[in-house]
Amino acid sequence: MTQDGYAVVPGSIDQPELLVVVAAAIVQEGRLLVVSKKAAPEVFYLPGGKPDVEEGPMEALVRELDEELGVRPLDPRFLADVEALAALERVPMKMTVFETGISQVPRPAAELADLRWISGGEPGVQLAPAVRDQVLPLLRQNGLLA
């Protein structure tokens, strides 16, 4: 486990540790919800986190959205498995992304510093590489972003 509580699957000498996370792609009115953490308030990510031991991806998604934003996912659907280097931990990451609505207006809590609704082209918003390079293009390709 890393210092910030993320589960890390032990690696071998040839293969580094793998960070496993679930995340929500929440799009409303053509804009994606991104959040930043107190540990790195300048970098924005998808809301979500690591599954607890014996917790499935959907259970983790429900728990993380409640803890971080005080919301429940509505009609979550698998969007993609994204592999990238984790922005903060600098280890390989596998992120299972679910496209979902939410039950109410989100409010940052727990380790979150801020939240924003973005179209992906805002100046001065530093996105985690996995969001910028993989999730945003996928959402645009699916016609979900403005």
Protein backbone atom coordinates (compact mmCIF):
# COMPACT_ATOMS: atom_id res chain seq x y z
CA MET A 1 0.00 0.00 0.00
CA THR A 2 1.30 3.49 -0.77
CA GLN A 3 1.39 6.40 1.67
CA ASP A 4 -1.85 7.85 0.33
CA GLY A 5 -3.70 4.56 0.80
CA TYR A 6 -3.83 3.31 -2.79
CA ALA A 7 -3.60 -0.42 -3.28
CA VAL A 8 -0.53 -1.45 -5.15
CA VAL A 9 -0.17 -4.91 -6.63
CA PRO A 10 3.41 -6.06 -5.90
CA GLY A 11 5.61 -6.20 -8.95
CA SER A 12 8.63 -8.26 -9.82
CA ILE A 13 12.14 -7.09 -10.66
CA ASP A 14 11.13 -7.00 -14.33
CA GLN A 15 7.70 -5.48 -13.78
CA PRO A 16 7.04 -2.55 -11.39
CA GLU A 17 4.13 -2.32 -8.95
CA LEU A 18 0.67 -1.75 -10.44
CA LEU A 19 -1.73 0.78 -8.93
CA VAL A 20 -5.34 -0.43 -9.34
CA VAL A 21 -8.12 2.19 -9.21
CA VAL A 22 -11.72 2.74 -10.27
CA ALA A 23 -12.96 6.11 -11.47
CA ALA A 24 -16.11 7.89 -12.59
CA ALA A 25 -16.50 9.82 -15.83
CA ILE A 26 -19.37 12.11 -14.83
CA VAL A 27 -20.50 14.29 -17.73
CA GLN A 28 -23.27 16.86 -17.42
CA GLU A 29 -24.20 19.39 -20.10
CA GLY A 30 -21.12 18.42 -22.12
CA ARG A 31 -18.68 18.97 -19.25
CA LEU A 32 -16.61 16.42 -17.30
CA LEU A 33 -16.29 16.52 -13.51
CA VAL A 34 -12.67 16.45 -12.37
CA VAL A 35 -11.27 16.73 -8.86
CA SER A 36 -7.96 17.62 -7.23
CA LYS A 37 -6.46 16.24 -4.06
CA LYS A 38 -5.06 18.18 -1.12
CA ALA A 39 -1.73 16.41 -1.72
CA ALA A 40 -1.49 17.95 -5.22
CA PRO A 41 -4.21 20.61 -5.65
CA GLU A 42 -2.87 21.71 -9.05
CA VAL A 43 -3.52 18.33 -10.75
CA PHE A 44 -7.06 17.25 -11.67
CA TYR A 45 -8.24 13.63 -11.89
CA LEU A 46 -11.43 11.66 -12.25
CA PRO A 47 -13.15 11.04 -8.92
CA GLY A 48 -12.59 7.55 -7.57
CA GLY A 49 -9.95 5.50 -5.83
CA LYS A 50 -8.66 2.09 -4.97
CA PRO A 51 -10.88 -0.88 -4.16
CA ASP A 52 -10.63 -2.16 -0.60
CA VAL A 53 -9.68 -5.79 -0.05
CA GLU A 54 -12.37 -8.10 -1.50
CA GLU A 55 -14.30 -5.11 -2.88
CA GLY A 56 -15.36 -5.21 -6.52
CA PRO A 57 -15.00 -2.25 -8.90
CA MET A 58 -18.66 -1.19 -8.62
CA GLU A 59 -18.65 -1.40 -4.83
CA ALA A 60 -15.47 0.69 -4.75
CA LEU A 61 -17.00 3.25 -7.11
CA VAL A 62 -20.09 3.65 -4.93
CA ARG A 63 -18.01 3.99 -1.75
CA GLU A 64 -15.47 6.40 -3.24
CA LEU A 65 -18.10 8.73 -4.76
CA ASP A 66 -19.89 8.85 -1.41
CA GLU A 67 -16.67 9.53 0.54
CA GLU A 68 -15.22 12.08 -1.88
CA LEU A 69 -18.30 13.88 -3.21
CA GLY A 70 -21.33 12.85 -1.13
CA VAL A 71 -23.10 11.40 -4.20
CA ARG A 72 -24.32 8.04 -5.51
CA PRO A 73 -23.66 6.87 -9.06
CA LEU A 74 -26.78 6.65 -11.25
CA ASP A 75 -26.86 4.05 -14.05
CA PRO A 76 -23.08 3.44 -14.13
CA ARG A 77 -21.77 1.80 -17.31
CA PHE A 78 -18.31 0.45 -18.01
CA LEU A 79 -16.45 2.90 -20.25
CA ALA A 80 -12.86 1.64 -20.46
CA ASP A 81 -9.83 0.18 -18.76
CA VAL A 82 -7.07 2.75 -18.97
CA GLU A 83 -3.40 1.98 -18.40
CA ALA A 84 -1.01 4.83 -17.75
CA LEU A 85 1.62 6.09 -15.35
CA ALA A 86 -0.08 7.40 -12.18
CA ALA A 87 0.45 11.16 -11.99
CA LEU A 88 1.38 11.34 -8.30
CA GLU A 89 2.66 7.89 -7.46
CA ARG A 90 4.70 7.56 -10.68
CA VAL A 91 3.93 3.83 -10.93
CA PRO A 92 1.99 1.97 -13.64
CA MET A 93 -1.75 2.27 -13.10
CA LYS A 94 -4.79 0.38 -14.33
CA MET A 95 -7.91 2.52 -13.99
CA THR A 96 -11.35 1.06 -14.64
CA VAL A 97 -13.56 3.96 -15.74
CA PHE A 98 -17.34 3.99 -15.47
CA GLU A 99 -19.51 6.56 -17.20
CA THR A 100 -22.20 7.55 -14.71
CA GLY A 101 -24.69 10.15 -13.63
CA ILE A 102 -24.82 11.28 -10.01
CA SER A 103 -27.61 11.62 -7.46
CA GLN A 104 -27.09 15.25 -6.45
CA VAL A 105 -24.73 18.23 -6.57
CA PRO A 106 -21.21 17.05 -5.67
CA ARG A 107 -19.25 18.65 -2.84
CA PRO A 108 -15.54 17.91 -2.30
CA ALA A 109 -14.78 16.03 0.94
CA ALA A 110 -12.18 13.63 2.38
CA GLU A 111 -8.82 14.13 0.61
CA LEU A 112 -10.24 16.37 -2.15
CA ALA A 113 -9.20 20.01 -2.48
CA ASP A 114 -11.41 21.15 -5.37
CA LEU A 115 -13.70 20.11 -8.20
CA ARG A 116 -14.35 21.58 -11.63
CA TRP A 117 -16.56 20.91 -14.64
CA ILE A 118 -14.41 21.04 -17.77
CA SER A 119 -14.72 20.61 -21.52
CA GLY A 120 -11.04 19.70 -21.71
CA GLY A 121 -9.66 22.83 -23.31
CA GLU A 122 -9.52 25.17 -20.32
CA PRO A 123 -6.24 27.06 -19.95
CA GLY A 124 -4.49 26.61 -16.63
CA VAL A 125 -6.16 23.29 -15.73
CA GLN A 126 -3.50 20.61 -15.35
CA LEU A 127 -5.07 17.20 -15.99
CA ALA A 128 -3.58 13.86 -15.00
CA PRO A 129 -2.08 12.26 -18.12
CA ALA A 130 -4.59 9.37 -18.18
CA VAL A 131 -7.50 11.85 -18.20
CA ARG A 132 -5.92 14.17 -20.75
CA ASP A 133 -4.55 11.53 -23.13
CA GLN A 134 -7.10 8.72 -22.91
CA VAL A 135 -10.37 9.58 -21.16
CA LEU A 136 -11.06 12.97 -22.79
CA PRO A 137 -10.49 11.65 -26.34
CA LEU A 138 -12.75 8.67 -25.63
CA LEU A 139 -15.52 10.90 -24.28
CA ARG A 140 -15.20 13.20 -27.31
CA GLN A 141 -15.28 10.21 -29.66
CA ASN A 142 -18.52 9.07 -27.96
CA GLY A 143 -20.03 12.56 -28.39
CA LEU A 144 -20.28 13.20 -24.65
CA LEU A 145 -18.16 16.36 -24.32
CA ALA A 146 -19.01 19.80 -25.67
